[in-house]
């Protein structure tokens, strides 16, 4: 690669994330089997304040195939959202923010709506690093469960 950069990142790398799904043919699923409890990501005790980062994709899973040098998160399940709440989420890998999004719940039941487009950037693998997630809600102490993640890996 090489050429035009934006914030120190090569644009060809930034915009090639869609190619990873083609290389992998199908996104991978983590956890790969059913019956595994979702990962709980707790919010802060105060509303409108970021909670702590929680590992949602372990380093061992990301590092398993060393022939693949990059990965990205295509989609994930977030459930347990409090009624009438607004939830922001952020992803970090190797101490760098690699994705953001938000959800809001209208009323009760299953009326959750995605607040905006979500996709992480293509991330260069760093051995021993897990993908982390934190949340912020307008509801004090809100926690959510993160279920299966669909993720892809490849070589640009």
Protein backbone atom coordinates (compact mmCIF):
# COMPACT_ATOMS: atom_id res chain seq x y z
CA UNK A 1 0.00 0.00 0.00
CA UNK A 2 1.08 3.59 0.24
CA UNK A 3 -0.17 6.81 -1.12
CA UNK A 4 -2.82 9.17 0.16
CA UNK A 5 -3.42 9.13 3.91
CA UNK A 6 -6.08 10.47 6.23
CA UNK A 7 -5.13 10.97 9.89
CA UNK A 8 -2.02 8.90 9.25
CA UNK A 9 -3.97 5.95 7.79
CA UNK A 10 -3.65 4.83 4.19
CA UNK A 11 -6.99 5.42 2.42
CA UNK A 12 -6.68 2.22 0.38
CA UNK A 13 -6.56 0.24 3.63
CA UNK A 14 -9.45 2.23 5.13
CA UNK A 15 -11.79 1.61 2.22
CA UNK A 16 -10.83 -2.00 1.51
CA UNK A 17 -12.68 -3.48 4.49
CA UNK A 18 -15.46 -4.82 2.27
CA UNK A 19 -12.91 -7.08 0.56
CA UNK A 20 -12.42 -9.16 3.70
CA UNK A 21 -15.87 -10.69 3.47
CA UNK A 22 -15.09 -11.79 -0.07
CA UNK A 23 -11.87 -13.41 1.09
CA UNK A 24 -13.55 -15.17 4.00
CA UNK A 25 -16.63 -16.02 1.87
CA UNK A 26 -18.81 -15.84 4.98
CA UNK A 27 -18.35 -13.93 8.20
CA UNK A 28 -17.06 -15.87 11.17
CA UNK A 29 -19.25 -16.13 14.24
CA UNK A 30 -18.08 -15.60 17.80
CA UNK A 31 -18.91 -17.48 19.88
CA UNK A 32 -18.96 -20.24 17.31
CA UNK A 33 -21.48 -22.44 19.14
CA UNK A 34 -24.86 -21.95 20.76
CA UNK A 35 -25.53 -22.11 24.47
CA UNK A 36 -22.68 -19.78 25.41
CA UNK A 37 -23.70 -16.89 27.65
CA UNK A 38 -23.49 -13.44 26.09
CA UNK A 39 -20.86 -10.99 27.29
CA UNK A 40 -22.26 -8.36 29.65
CA UNK A 41 -21.06 -4.81 29.06
CA UNK A 42 -21.96 -2.65 32.03
CA UNK A 43 -22.59 1.04 31.84
CA UNK A 44 -21.48 3.65 34.35
CA UNK A 45 -23.39 4.21 37.60
CA UNK A 46 -24.11 7.74 36.35
CA UNK A 47 -26.13 8.53 33.23
CA UNK A 48 -24.32 9.98 30.20
CA UNK A 49 -20.92 8.67 31.35
CA UNK A 50 -18.78 6.00 29.67
CA UNK A 51 -18.42 2.65 31.43
CA UNK A 52 -15.26 0.54 31.41
CA UNK A 53 -14.05 -1.42 28.39
CA UNK A 54 -14.93 -5.13 28.33
CA UNK A 55 -13.34 -7.78 26.06
CA UNK A 56 -15.94 -8.96 23.53
CA UNK A 57 -13.69 -10.77 21.03
CA UNK A 58 -10.74 -12.53 22.69
CA UNK A 59 -7.18 -12.13 21.49
CA UNK A 60 -6.85 -15.91 21.03
CA UNK A 61 -9.78 -15.89 18.58
CA UNK A 62 -8.41 -12.95 16.58
CA UNK A 63 -4.87 -14.39 16.59
CA UNK A 64 -5.89 -17.97 15.66
CA UNK A 65 -5.21 -17.64 11.92
CA UNK A 66 -1.84 -15.95 11.55
CA UNK A 67 -2.07 -16.00 7.74
CA UNK A 68 -4.83 -13.35 7.97
CA UNK A 69 -3.41 -9.92 8.81
CA UNK A 70 -6.55 -7.75 9.21
CA UNK A 71 -10.08 -8.09 10.59
CA UNK A 72 -13.25 -6.11 11.09
CA UNK A 73 -16.61 -6.51 12.83
CA UNK A 74 -19.49 -6.69 10.41
CA UNK A 75 -22.36 -6.86 12.89
CA UNK A 76 -23.22 -7.80 16.45
CA UNK A 77 -26.24 -8.46 18.64
CA UNK A 78 -26.88 -6.12 21.55
CA UNK A 79 -29.84 -6.95 23.75
CA UNK A 80 -31.22 -6.03 27.15
CA UNK A 81 -31.63 -2.37 26.26
CA UNK A 82 -33.73 -0.50 28.83
CA UNK A 83 -37.08 0.80 27.58
CA UNK A 84 -36.94 4.36 26.25
CA UNK A 85 -33.17 4.58 26.47
CA UNK A 86 -30.43 5.83 24.20
CA UNK A 87 -27.23 3.78 24.18
CA UNK A 88 -23.87 4.69 22.65
CA UNK A 89 -21.19 2.07 22.13
CA UNK A 90 -17.54 2.27 21.19
CA UNK A 91 -14.94 -0.33 20.21
CA UNK A 92 -11.24 -0.28 20.99
CA UNK A 93 -8.44 -2.47 19.70
CA UNK A 94 -4.79 -2.07 20.68
CA UNK A 95 -5.72 1.19 22.49
CA UNK A 96 -7.23 2.71 19.31
CA UNK A 97 -10.94 3.48 18.80
CA UNK A 98 -12.00 1.41 15.77
CA UNK A 99 -15.80 1.77 15.69
CA UNK A 100 -18.80 3.56 17.18
CA UNK A 101 -22.56 3.44 16.99
CA UNK A 102 -25.75 4.01 18.94
CA UNK A 103 -29.13 2.45 19.56
CA UNK A 104 -32.33 3.76 21.01
CA UNK A 105 -35.42 2.05 22.31
CA UNK A 106 -38.87 3.46 21.64
CA UNK A 107 -41.43 2.38 24.22
CA UNK A 108 -41.41 -1.17 25.46
CA UNK A 109 -40.73 -4.58 24.03
CA UNK A 110 -38.69 -5.06 20.89
CA UNK A 111 -38.89 -1.60 19.36
CA UNK A 112 -35.14 -1.06 19.36
CA UNK A 113 -33.81 0.91 16.42
CA UNK A 114 -30.28 1.23 15.22
CA UNK A 115 -29.35 4.87 15.56
CA UNK A 116 -26.85 4.96 12.73
CA UNK A 117 -24.73 2.93 10.38
CA UNK A 118 -22.26 0.66 12.10
CA UNK A 119 -19.10 -1.01 10.91
CA UNK A 120 -15.63 -1.01 12.35
CA UNK A 121 -12.71 0.05 10.22
CA UNK A 122 -10.41 -2.66 8.88
CA UNK A 123 -8.05 -3.36 11.74
CA UNK A 124 -4.48 -4.61 11.44
CA UNK A 125 -4.00 -7.53 13.83
CA UNK A 126 -1.67 -7.07 16.78
CA UNK A 127 -0.81 -10.31 18.58
CA UNK A 128 -2.30 -10.60 22.04
CA UNK A 129 -4.89 -7.83 21.66
CA UNK A 130 -8.62 -8.38 22.31
CA UNK A 131 -11.42 -6.27 20.85
CA UNK A 132 -13.02 -4.23 23.63
CA UNK A 133 -16.36 -2.46 23.94
CA UNK A 134 -17.76 0.17 26.29
CA UNK A 135 -21.17 1.79 26.54
CA UNK A 136 -22.75 5.03 27.64
CA UNK A 137 -26.46 5.41 28.27
CA UNK A 138 -28.88 8.12 29.26
CA UNK A 139 -30.05 5.61 31.91
CA UNK A 140 -27.84 5.36 35.01
CA UNK A 141 -26.26 1.94 35.47
CA UNK A 142 -27.63 0.39 32.27
CA UNK A 143 -26.00 -2.86 31.17
CA UNK A 144 -26.44 -4.76 27.92
CA UNK A 145 -25.57 -8.21 26.69
CA UNK A 146 -23.51 -8.62 23.54
CA UNK A 147 -24.38 -11.82 21.73
CA UNK A 148 -22.81 -13.28 18.62
CA UNK A 149 -20.43 -11.10 16.63
CA UNK A 150 -20.06 -11.57 12.87
CA UNK A 151 -16.48 -10.80 11.93
CA UNK A 152 -14.28 -11.19 8.89
CA UNK A 153 -10.56 -11.44 8.39
CA UNK A 154 -8.30 -11.29 5.38
CA UNK A 155 -5.20 -9.87 3.75
CA UNK A 156 -5.44 -6.57 1.85
